[in-house]
Protein backbone atom coordinates (compact mmCIF):
# COMPACT_ATOMS: atom_id res chain seq x y z
CA UNK A 1 -25.01 38.61 10.93
CA UNK A 2 -21.48 38.23 12.30
CA UNK A 3 -22.53 35.26 14.40
CA UNK A 4 -24.06 33.49 11.37
CA UNK A 5 -20.89 34.07 9.32
CA UNK A 6 -18.77 32.67 12.17
CA UNK A 7 -21.06 29.65 12.43
CA UNK A 8 -20.85 29.08 8.66
CA UNK A 9 -17.04 29.34 8.68
CA UNK A 10 -16.87 26.99 11.67
CA UNK A 11 -19.11 24.49 9.86
CA UNK A 12 -16.97 24.70 6.69
CA UNK A 13 -13.79 24.15 8.68
CA UNK A 14 -15.39 21.16 10.45
CA UNK A 15 -16.47 19.67 7.11
CA UNK A 16 -12.96 20.16 5.67
CA UNK A 17 -11.46 18.47 8.73
CA UNK A 18 -13.79 15.49 8.24
CA UNK A 19 -12.90 15.30 4.52
CA UNK A 20 -9.20 15.31 5.43
CA UNK A 21 -9.67 12.52 7.98
CA UNK A 22 -11.56 10.40 5.43
CA UNK A 23 -8.83 11.03 2.85
CA UNK A 24 -6.13 9.98 5.30
CA UNK A 25 -8.09 6.82 6.14
CA UNK A 26 -8.49 5.98 2.45
CA UNK A 27 -4.78 6.57 1.84
CA UNK A 28 -3.95 4.29 4.76
CA UNK A 29 -6.28 1.57 3.48
CA UNK A 30 -4.68 1.79 0.02
CA UNK A 31 -1.22 1.56 1.60
CA UNK A 32 -2.16 -1.55 3.55
CA UNK A 33 -3.71 -3.12 0.46
CA UNK A 34 -0.48 -2.51 -1.46
CA UNK A 35 1.56 -4.10 1.33
CA UNK A 36 -0.75 -7.12 1.35
CA UNK A 37 -0.44 -7.48 -2.43
CA UNK A 38 3.35 -7.29 -2.18
CA UNK A 39 3.39 -9.88 0.60
CA UNK A 40 1.10 -12.16 -1.39
CA UNK A 41 3.30 -11.83 -4.49
CA UNK A 42 6.45 -12.52 -2.46
CA UNK A 43 4.90 -15.59 -0.87
CA UNK A 44 3.72 -16.82 -4.27
CA UNK A 45 7.26 -16.51 -5.68
CA UNK A 46 8.70 -18.30 -2.65
CA UNK A 47 6.14 -21.10 -3.05
CA UNK A 48 6.99 -21.43 -6.75
CA UNK A 49 10.70 -21.62 -6.03
CA UNK A 50 10.16 -24.17 -3.26
CA UNK A 51 8.26 -26.38 -5.70
CA UNK A 52 11.18 -26.49 -8.16
CA UNK A 53 13.61 -29.38 -8.03
CA UNK A 54 16.82 -28.37 -6.27
CA UNK A 55 18.92 -29.29 -9.32
CA UNK A 56 17.20 -26.67 -11.47
CA UNK A 57 18.03 -23.96 -8.94
CA UNK A 58 21.73 -24.88 -8.98
CA UNK A 59 21.96 -24.34 -12.75
CA UNK A 60 20.71 -20.77 -12.54
CA UNK A 61 23.53 -18.24 -12.29
CA UNK A 62 23.06 -14.61 -11.43
CA UNK A 63 23.48 -12.34 -14.47
CA UNK A 64 26.58 -10.64 -13.03
CA UNK A 65 28.64 -13.85 -12.84
CA UNK A 66 30.53 -14.97 -15.97
CA UNK A 67 29.81 -18.49 -17.25
């Protein structure tokens, strides 16, 4: 009886450990996906700015500078 309870507890702990590993892997995958999305968005903005004529960029003033 005691041996079967120990085996059951050991199995439950093993299953919980596996669940935790899978959760950590999923969290890591989501983190990398978010980084990739951020990088893609940044590159897209850079590409858009590079396509603008230089004169249009000179006319834009930061909001903190008076006109």
